[in-house]
Amino acid sequence: MTVWWPREAMGTDSTVFNMTGYDLRALGAPPGDGRPCRPPTRVGLVGSDYPGLRLKPCVEAGDRVRIGDPVLRDGRTEDLVITAPVSGVVEEIAIGARRSVRLAVIRIEGEVRRTFDPAGAQDEDGLRTLMRESGLWSALLRRPFGRVPVPDERPAAILVPAMTTEPGAADPRPAIEGAREDFHRGLTALTRLTDGLVHVAQAPGSQLSPAHERIRPAVFRGGHPVGLPGLQIERLCPPSLDRPVWQIGHLDVIDLGRLLADGSPPKGLRQVALGGEKASDARVVALPPGADLEELALTESEPGPHRCLSGSPLSGTESRFLRRRHLQASFVVRSDRPAPPRHVFGPAKVPALVPHAALSRALGRDLPAIPLLRALSVGDTETAASLGALSLLEEDMALATYLSGATEDFGACLRRILDKLETGS
């Protein structure tokens, strides 16, 4: 259901979506501010955080880098680079499949920053060039397929998620309100990259976006999965194969605004929520992107076997390092359960999908969850695409996997479908 709030409550042209969802506080209570954590000594840039790029090293082990210096570059676009989030010494460059960089590790030393010249970013071409050279282009993610967009692509719309309903996540509002001018400047700049609208998805409260004819606030009310970008994109601006939609995080928009103001590189520290059942003190702490979570666990997790997840306990990825787009780190119990039995001719058959009321709402109101999950499960590409799969990425499927009893990883099923659609196979 769509309703309209009074102008004085949310500003002009603000749409409020009342949607059903689940209260997942049992999986992780919202953290409060608390004592700082011990600063990490290393960060890692993980190659898989930049899908669609063929990463080549710009540095070698032993080289010293500043915040904002290029560390990796796209092999097909010379000036599309991944920059250092910290200053220090490059310890390791690991090469993976197709001779693309799998991991780059930097040992933190000091806090020396590079600065950029934003004077040439007054038009669209200059803005795109500055974003590529500063590393902010890699903050963009296109749907469908979940890739970093190519430099000359022009999206039908852009979404900025300024809310979250992930269990244990911190509210983005304080960070945005603390840098409102930079946030507004970044949003205004994004309008130059598209002929469509820049949508700002937010929770109820005062309007976070500026008054602008091409910036449209949208308020989403409800529990998880209401805060997922995939469901918001499906409601606001569904993508198609020839009409991509981009998304970019609220902190990256703030970084863009700051970059345009004084040439500052993306900020080295971010507010990250620590949580999970093995966390000794769930709270919000300042960490650099790529922080070493295994090192952090030495002082922030309870004794006993555990796993380090980048992300929430529901949708997080087991990882040594905090991933590029994650603002949560979770420490959870390591399970000793045996792997599912395997047939002599391959994996045992997955149990049939059993529909129930909770699972039918796992993808919100706009997507028919049960038919879509069935299509994903059997690999029906055409049906999945017609039911909304083009709006979704793996993290959007975590609740469905959880509510199905984890009998099947619907995120992996979705990725197989998206890969087939992308290659036309």
Protein backbone atom coordinates (compact mmCIF):
# COMPACT_ATOMS: atom_id res chain seq x y z
CA MET A 1 0.00 0.00 0.00
CA THR A 2 1.24 3.48 -0.86
CA VAL A 3 0.19 6.52 1.17
CA TRP A 4 1.23 10.16 1.20
CA TRP A 5 2.45 12.04 4.24
CA PRO A 6 1.78 15.77 4.71
CA ARG A 7 4.35 18.07 3.09
CA GLU A 8 5.46 19.47 6.43
CA ALA A 9 6.26 15.96 7.68
CA MET A 10 8.47 14.74 4.86
CA GLY A 11 8.84 17.48 2.27
CA THR A 12 7.49 17.45 -1.27
CA ASP A 13 7.01 14.34 -3.40
CA SER A 14 7.87 11.94 -0.57
CA THR A 15 6.28 8.53 -0.97
CA VAL A 16 5.75 6.31 2.08
CA PHE A 17 5.54 2.55 1.56
CA ASN A 18 3.94 0.55 4.37
CA MET A 19 5.25 -2.99 3.94
CA THR A 20 5.19 -6.15 6.02
CA GLY A 21 8.38 -7.56 7.48
CA TYR A 22 9.93 -9.47 10.34
CA ASP A 23 11.45 -8.28 13.59
CA LEU A 24 14.82 -10.06 13.59
CA ARG A 25 16.19 -8.61 16.80
CA ALA A 26 16.55 -12.18 18.10
CA LEU A 27 19.35 -12.61 15.56
CA GLY A 28 21.14 -9.50 16.78
CA ALA A 29 19.95 -6.51 18.77
CA PRO A 30 20.68 -3.03 17.36
CA PRO A 31 24.01 -1.99 18.89
CA GLY A 32 24.71 1.10 20.93
CA ASP A 33 27.77 3.31 20.94
CA GLY A 34 30.46 2.16 23.31
CA ARG A 35 34.16 1.97 23.94
CA PRO A 36 36.48 2.03 20.92
CA CYS A 37 38.05 -1.21 19.74
CA ARG A 38 41.74 -1.90 19.31
CA PRO A 39 42.73 -0.52 15.88
CA PRO A 40 43.53 -3.20 13.29
CA THR A 41 47.08 -3.42 11.97
CA ARG A 42 46.12 -4.67 8.49
CA VAL A 43 43.41 -4.25 5.88
CA GLY A 44 42.62 -6.39 2.87
CA LEU A 45 41.20 -5.44 -0.53
CA VAL A 46 39.28 -8.53 -1.70
CA GLY A 47 39.06 -8.90 -5.48
CA SER A 48 35.57 -10.43 -5.46
CA ASP A 49 34.22 -7.19 -3.93
CA TYR A 50 34.60 -5.59 -7.37
CA PRO A 51 32.58 -7.88 -9.67
CA GLY A 52 32.99 -7.22 -13.35
CA LEU A 53 36.53 -5.81 -13.04
CA ARG A 54 39.69 -7.63 -14.10
CA LEU A 55 41.98 -6.34 -11.40
CA LYS A 56 45.67 -5.77 -12.03
CA PRO A 57 48.15 -4.52 -9.41
CA CYS A 58 49.40 -0.94 -9.47
CA VAL A 59 51.90 -1.66 -6.67
CA GLU A 60 54.22 -4.40 -5.48
CA ALA A 61 54.82 -5.94 -2.08
CA GLY A 62 56.94 -3.54 -0.05
CA ASP A 63 55.61 -0.37 -1.70
CA ARG A 64 54.37 2.42 0.55
CA VAL A 65 50.91 3.90 -0.15
CA ARG A 66 48.87 6.85 1.08
CA ILE A 67 45.11 6.97 1.64
CA GLY A 68 43.72 7.45 -1.87
CA ASP A 69 46.69 6.03 -3.79
CA PRO A 70 45.82 3.46 -6.48
CA VAL A 71 46.49 -0.13 -5.43
CA LEU A 72 44.57 -2.04 -8.12
CA ARG A 73 43.22 -1.09 -11.55
CA ASP A 74 40.80 -2.54 -14.05
CA GLY A 75 42.67 -4.24 -16.88
CA ARG A 76 40.22 -2.82 -19.45
CA THR A 77 39.97 0.77 -18.13
CA GLU A 78 43.32 2.20 -17.08
CA ASP A 79 41.98 5.00 -14.86
CA LEU A 80 39.36 2.87 -13.06
CA VAL A 81 41.26 2.12 -9.88
CA ILE A 82 40.81 0.73 -6.38
CA THR A 83 42.50 3.04 -3.90
CA ALA A 84 44.10 2.42 -0.51
CA PRO A 85 41.70 3.02 2.42
CA VAL A 86 44.70 3.42 4.77
CA SER A 87 48.30 4.53 4.54
CA GLY A 88 51.04 1.98 5.06
CA VAL A 89 53.06 -0.73 3.34
CA VAL A 90 51.75 -3.30 0.85
CA GLU A 91 52.43 -6.74 2.38
CA GLU A 92 50.87 -9.10 -0.14
CA ILE A 93 49.41 -9.19 -3.64
CA ALA A 94 47.72 -12.55 -4.30
CA ILE A 95 46.77 -13.48 -7.87
CA GLY A 96 43.73 -15.66 -8.49
CA ALA A 97 41.80 -17.01 -11.46
CA ARG A 98 42.36 -15.46 -14.91
CA ARG A 99 45.44 -13.69 -13.52
CA SER A 100 43.21 -11.22 -11.69
CA VAL A 101 44.15 -9.97 -8.22
CA ARG A 102 42.41 -12.02 -5.54
CA LEU A 103 43.66 -10.11 -2.49
CA ALA A 104 45.86 -7.14 -1.59
CA VAL A 105 46.95 -6.72 2.05
CA ILE A 106 48.25 -3.43 3.48
CA ARG A 107 49.97 -3.05 6.85
CA ILE A 108 48.77 0.20 8.43
CA GLU A 109 51.41 2.82 9.21
CA GLY A 110 50.61 6.47 9.88
CA GLU A 111 47.81 8.47 8.25
CA VAL A 112 49.07 10.20 5.12
CA ARG A 113 46.46 11.26 2.56
CA ARG A 114 46.53 12.01 -1.12
CA THR A 115 44.34 14.87 -2.37
CA PHE A 116 42.52 15.21 -5.68
CA ASP A 117 41.63 18.21 -7.82
CA PRO A 118 37.82 18.43 -8.10
CA ALA A 119 37.89 21.52 -10.35
CA GLY A 120 37.31 19.50 -13.52
CA ALA A 121 34.27 17.65 -12.15
CA GLN A 122 31.73 20.35 -12.95
CA ASP A 123 30.33 18.43 -15.93
CA GLU A 124 29.36 14.77 -16.30
CA ASP A 125 32.55 13.64 -18.05
CA GLY A 126 34.73 15.32 -15.44
CA LEU A 127 32.69 13.80 -12.60
CA ARG A 128 33.00 10.30 -14.06
CA THR A 129 36.76 10.74 -14.48
CA LEU A 130 37.19 11.98 -10.90
CA MET A 131 35.14 9.07 -9.52
CA ARG A 132 37.26 6.56 -11.45
CA GLU A 133 40.57 8.12 -10.37
CA SER A 134 39.53 8.44 -6.70
CA GLY A 135 38.26 4.87 -6.41
CA LEU A 136 34.62 5.89 -5.88
CA TRP A 137 33.44 4.46 -9.20
CA SER A 138 33.88 0.98 -7.72
CA ALA A 139 31.31 1.91 -5.04
CA LEU A 140 28.62 1.76 -7.73
CA LEU A 141 26.76 -1.50 -8.30
CA ARG A 142 24.45 -2.12 -11.23
CA ARG A 143 21.32 -4.24 -11.34
CA PRO A 144 20.72 -6.60 -12.99
CA PHE A 145 23.74 -8.87 -12.42
CA GLY A 146 25.47 -6.99 -9.56
CA ARG A 147 28.55 -5.70 -11.41
CA VAL A 148 30.56 -2.50 -11.20
CA PRO A 149 29.17 -0.55 -14.19
CA VAL A 150 31.33 0.15 -17.22
CA PRO A 151 32.49 3.79 -17.40
CA ASP A 152 30.20 4.86 -20.26
CA GLU A 153 26.99 3.24 -18.97
CA ARG A 154 24.06 5.53 -18.18
CA PRO A 155 21.49 4.09 -15.75
CA ALA A 156 17.73 4.54 -15.83
CA ALA A 157 17.84 5.53 -12.14
CA ILE A 158 20.10 5.45 -9.07
CA LEU A 159 19.17 4.18 -5.60
CA VAL A 160 20.85 5.36 -2.40
CA PRO A 161 19.82 3.08 0.51
CA ALA A 162 19.83 5.30 3.60
CA MET A 163 18.25 2.68 5.88
CA THR A 164 18.71 -0.95 6.87
CA THR A 165 16.67 -3.67 8.55
CA GLU A 166 19.48 -6.24 8.82
CA PRO A 167 19.71 -7.78 12.33
CA GLY A 168 22.29 -5.99 14.44
CA ALA A 169 22.85 -3.16 11.96
CA ALA A 170 23.48 0.43 13.01
CA ASP A 171 21.05 3.15 11.94
CA PRO A 172 22.57 5.15 9.03
CA ARG A 173 20.73 8.34 10.05
CA PRO A 174 23.32 9.67 12.58
CA ALA A 175 26.15 9.35 10.04
CA ILE A 176 24.11 11.14 7.38
CA GLU A 177 22.93 13.92 9.69
CA GLY A 178 26.51 14.43 10.87
CA ALA A 179 27.62 15.07 7.28
CA ARG A 180 24.40 16.42 5.78
CA GLU A 181 26.07 19.03 3.56
CA ASP A 182 28.43 16.48 2.01
CA PHE A 183 25.55 14.00 1.59
CA HIS A 184 23.45 16.58 -0.23
CA ARG A 185 26.37 17.60 -2.43
CA GLY A 186 27.01 13.98 -3.35
CA LEU A 187 23.34 13.33 -4.16
CA THR A 188 23.18 16.39 -6.38
CA ALA A 189 26.28 15.21 -8.25
CA LEU A 190 24.70 11.80 -8.87
CA THR A 191 21.87 13.43 -10.83
CA ARG A 192 24.45 14.23 -13.53
CA LEU A 193 25.05 10.50 -14.12
CA THR A 194 21.47 9.61 -15.07
CA ASP A 195 18.52 11.04 -16.98
CA GLY A 196 16.20 9.49 -14.40
CA LEU A 197 15.70 9.98 -10.68
CA VAL A 198 18.04 9.52 -7.75
CA HIS A 199 15.95 7.68 -5.15
CA VAL A 200 16.86 7.96 -1.46
CA ALA A 201 15.32 5.10 0.53
CA GLN A 202 14.97 5.99 4.21
CA ALA A 203 13.15 5.01 7.38
CA PRO A 204 10.41 7.27 8.84
CA GLY A 205 11.70 10.56 10.23
CA SER A 206 12.88 13.90 8.93
CA GLN A 207 13.81 14.00 5.25
CA LEU A 208 17.47 13.17 4.63
CA SER A 209 17.71 14.34 1.01
CA PRO A 210 17.73 17.91 -0.32
CA ALA A 211 14.86 19.53 -2.21
CA HIS A 212 15.69 18.76 -5.84
CA GLU A 213 13.48 17.94 -8.80
CA ARG A 214 15.52 14.83 -9.64
CA ILE A 215 16.12 13.55 -6.09
CA ARG A 216 13.15 11.60 -4.75
CA PRO A 217 12.91 10.47 -1.10
CA ALA A 218 11.01 7.24 -0.44
CA VAL A 219 10.11 6.14 3.09
CA PHE A 220 9.85 2.42 3.80
CA ARG A 221 8.11 1.28 6.96
CA GLY A 222 8.30 -2.29 8.25
CA GLY A 223 10.71 -5.00 9.35
CA HIS A 224 13.16 -7.11 7.39
CA PRO A 225 13.45 -7.46 4.37
CA VAL A 226 12.02 -3.95 3.80
CA GLY A 227 15.48 -2.39 4.06
CA LEU A 228 17.06 -4.49 1.30
CA PRO A 229 18.07 -2.52 -1.82
CA GLY A 230 16.74 -5.22 -4.14
CA LEU A 231 13.20 -4.92 -2.81
CA GLN A 232 13.41 -1.13 -2.83
CA ILE A 233 14.59 -1.12 -6.45
CA GLU A 234 11.79 -3.50 -7.44
CA ARG A 235 9.25 -1.10 -5.91
CA LEU A 236 10.77 2.19 -7.14
CA CYS A 237 12.52 1.50 -10.45
CA PRO A 238 12.62 -2.15 -11.62
CA PRO A 239 15.60 -2.77 -13.92
CA SER A 240 15.59 -4.66 -17.19
CA LEU A 241 18.32 -6.04 -19.43
CA ASP A 242 18.54 -2.76 -21.36
CA ARG A 243 17.62 -0.37 -18.51
CA PRO A 244 20.07 -0.90 -15.63
CA VAL A 245 19.65 0.69 -12.22
CA TRP A 246 22.63 1.61 -10.05
CA GLN A 247 22.95 1.66 -6.29
CA ILE A 248 25.56 3.33 -4.08
CA GLY A 249 25.92 3.35 -0.29
CA HIS A 250 25.14 6.38 1.84
CA LEU A 251 28.73 6.64 3.13
CA ASP A 252 30.03 6.58 -0.44
CA VAL A 253 27.69 9.46 -1.28
CA ILE A 254 29.14 11.39 1.68
CA ASP A 255 32.65 10.58 0.44
CA LEU A 256 31.69 11.86 -3.01
CA GLY A 257 30.39 15.11 -1.55
CA ARG A 258 33.57 15.59 0.47
CA LEU A 259 35.71 14.79 -2.58
CA LEU A 260 33.92 17.45 -4.63
CA ALA A 261 34.24 20.01 -1.82
CA ASP A 262 37.97 19.87 -1.09
CA GLY A 263 39.50 16.93 -2.94
CA SER A 264 39.64 14.67 0.13
CA PRO A 265 39.92 10.94 -0.66
CA PRO A 266 37.32 8.51 0.71
CA LYS A 267 37.38 8.61 4.50
CA GLY A 268 39.64 6.03 6.15
CA LEU A 269 37.29 5.10 9.03
CA ARG A 270 33.64 4.01 8.99
CA GLN A 271 31.12 3.29 11.72
CA VAL A 272 30.78 -0.50 11.79
CA ALA A 273 28.39 -2.52 13.98
CA LEU A 274 29.99 -5.41 15.86
CA GLY A 275 27.61 -8.21 16.82
CA GLY A 276 26.75 -11.89 16.68
CA GLU A 277 26.26 -14.45 19.43
CA LYS A 278 30.02 -14.74 20.06
CA ALA A 279 30.65 -10.98 20.26
CA SER A 280 31.81 -9.98 23.73
CA ASP A 281 30.41 -6.44 23.46
CA ALA A 282 28.01 -5.60 20.61
CA ARG A 283 28.41 -1.93 19.69
CA VAL A 284 29.35 0.52 16.94
CA VAL A 285 33.08 1.09 16.42
CA ALA A 286 35.26 2.96 13.92
CA LEU A 287 37.04 0.65 11.47
CA PRO A 288 38.67 1.13 8.07
CA PRO A 289 37.21 -0.71 5.06
CA GLY A 290 38.92 -4.08 4.78
CA ALA A 291 39.76 -4.33 8.50
CA ASP A 292 41.25 -7.68 9.58
CA LEU A 293 38.34 -9.40 11.38
CA GLU A 294 40.40 -12.34 12.62
CA GLU A 295 42.69 -9.90 14.39
CA LEU A 296 39.66 -8.05 15.75
CA ALA A 297 38.18 -11.30 17.08
CA LEU A 298 41.16 -11.74 19.42
CA THR A 299 39.77 -8.96 21.62
CA GLU A 300 36.10 -8.76 20.57
CA SER A 301 34.84 -12.37 20.60
CA GLU A 302 34.01 -14.76 23.43
CA PRO A 303 36.32 -17.76 24.00
CA GLY A 304 35.63 -20.85 21.95
CA PRO A 305 35.28 -21.80 18.27
CA HIS A 306 33.78 -19.04 16.16
CA ARG A 307 33.43 -17.78 12.62
CA CYS A 308 34.12 -14.23 11.46
CA LEU A 309 31.38 -12.91 9.18
CA SER A 310 31.59 -9.73 7.18
CA GLY A 311 27.98 -8.57 7.31
CA SER A 312 25.05 -9.53 9.52
CA PRO A 313 24.48 -12.94 11.16
CA LEU A 314 21.73 -13.49 8.57
CA SER A 315 23.42 -12.57 5.29
CA GLY A 316 27.10 -12.20 6.17
CA THR A 317 29.99 -13.85 4.35
CA GLU A 318 32.72 -15.76 6.18
CA SER A 319 35.81 -13.67 5.60
CA ARG A 320 39.07 -12.64 7.20
CA PHE A 321 38.52 -9.04 6.08
CA LEU A 322 35.62 -6.58 6.29
CA ARG A 323 34.20 -6.44 2.77
CA ARG A 324 33.86 -3.31 0.64
CA ARG A 325 30.10 -2.78 1.00
CA HIS A 326 29.60 -4.11 4.53
CA LEU A 327 29.06 -2.02 7.66
CA GLN A 328 28.68 -4.98 10.01
CA ALA A 329 31.02 -7.59 11.45
CA SER A 330 29.57 -10.64 13.21
CA PHE A 331 31.19 -13.31 15.35
CA VAL A 332 29.07 -16.47 15.42
CA VAL A 333 29.40 -20.01 16.74
CA ARG A 334 31.29 -22.41 14.51
CA SER A 335 29.07 -25.42 13.90
CA ASP A 336 30.53 -28.92 14.05
CA ARG A 337 27.57 -30.46 12.24
CA PRO A 338 28.61 -32.88 9.49
CA ALA A 339 28.11 -31.90 5.86
CA PRO A 340 24.93 -33.16 4.12
CA PRO A 341 25.24 -36.78 2.92
CA ARG A 342 26.40 -37.27 -0.65
CA HIS A 343 25.16 -39.90 -3.07
CA VAL A 344 27.79 -42.00 -4.83
CA PHE A 345 26.83 -40.25 -8.08
CA GLY A 346 26.87 -36.72 -6.64
CA PRO A 347 25.17 -34.56 -4.00
CA ALA A 348 22.06 -35.88 -2.32
CA LYS A 349 18.83 -34.45 -3.70
CA VAL A 350 17.64 -31.25 -2.04
CA PRO A 351 14.27 -31.62 -0.28
CA ALA A 352 11.33 -30.13 -2.15
CA LEU A 353 10.45 -26.53 -1.33
CA VAL A 354 7.67 -26.53 1.26
CA PRO A 355 5.68 -23.28 1.05
CA HIS A 356 4.42 -21.63 4.23
CA ALA A 357 3.11 -18.21 5.23
CA ALA A 358 6.42 -16.87 6.52
CA LEU A 359 8.32 -17.93 3.41
CA SER A 360 5.71 -16.32 1.16
CA ARG A 361 6.66 -12.92 2.65
CA ALA A 362 10.43 -13.45 2.52
CA LEU A 363 10.75 -11.13 -0.49
CA GLY A 364 8.28 -8.47 0.60
CA ARG A 365 4.96 -7.69 -1.04
CA ASP A 366 6.04 -6.92 -4.58
CA LEU A 367 7.65 -10.24 -5.48
CA PRO A 368 5.80 -13.60 -5.57
CA ALA A 369 8.22 -15.42 -3.29
CA ILE A 370 7.07 -19.04 -3.65
CA PRO A 371 6.87 -19.13 -7.48
CA LEU A 372 10.17 -17.24 -7.74
CA LEU A 373 11.94 -19.56 -5.29
CA ARG A 374 10.65 -22.58 -7.19
CA ALA A 375 11.93 -21.14 -10.46
CA LEU A 376 15.34 -20.47 -8.90
CA SER A 377 15.47 -23.94 -7.38
CA VAL A 378 14.89 -25.73 -10.70
CA GLY A 379 16.92 -23.28 -12.79
CA ASP A 380 13.99 -21.89 -14.80
CA THR A 381 15.71 -18.78 -16.16
CA GLU A 382 12.81 -17.33 -18.14
CA THR A 383 10.28 -17.65 -15.31
CA ALA A 384 12.69 -16.29 -12.70
CA ALA A 385 13.40 -13.22 -14.84
CA SER A 386 9.69 -12.57 -15.38
CA LEU A 387 9.04 -12.80 -11.62
CA GLY A 388 11.60 -10.17 -10.60
CA ALA A 389 15.00 -11.89 -10.41
CA LEU A 390 16.64 -9.02 -12.31
CA SER A 391 16.14 -6.73 -9.29
CA LEU A 392 17.81 -9.12 -6.84
CA LEU A 393 21.29 -10.11 -5.71
CA GLU A 394 22.51 -12.87 -3.40
CA GLU A 395 22.11 -10.90 -0.16
CA ASP A 396 18.44 -10.29 -0.97
CA MET A 397 17.82 -14.05 -0.74
CA ALA A 398 19.28 -14.61 2.75
CA LEU A 399 15.94 -14.36 4.57
CA ALA A 400 14.32 -16.83 2.16
CA THR A 401 17.17 -19.29 2.75
CA TYR A 402 16.81 -18.83 6.52
CA LEU A 403 13.02 -19.27 6.52
CA SER A 404 13.23 -22.38 4.34
CA GLY A 405 15.37 -24.07 6.99
CA ALA A 406 18.50 -23.62 4.86
CA THR A 407 17.54 -26.65 2.77
CA GLU A 408 18.81 -24.74 -0.25
CA ASP A 409 21.01 -21.69 -0.77
CA PHE A 410 18.72 -19.45 -2.81
CA GLY A 411 21.47 -16.85 -3.17
CA ALA A 412 23.59 -19.38 -5.07
CA CYS A 413 20.55 -20.41 -7.14
CA LEU A 414 19.94 -16.76 -8.04
CA ARG A 415 23.57 -16.26 -9.07
CA ARG A 416 23.37 -19.21 -11.47
CA ILE A 417 20.24 -17.73 -13.04
CA LEU A 418 21.79 -14.25 -13.34
CA ASP A 419 24.96 -15.66 -14.92
CA LYS A 420 22.86 -17.49 -17.53
CA LEU A 421 20.88 -14.34 -18.30
CA GLU A 422 24.05 -12.26 -18.55
CA THR A 423 25.77 -14.63 -20.98
CA GLY A 424 22.59 -15.46 -22.89
CA SER A 425 23.12 -19.17 -22.35
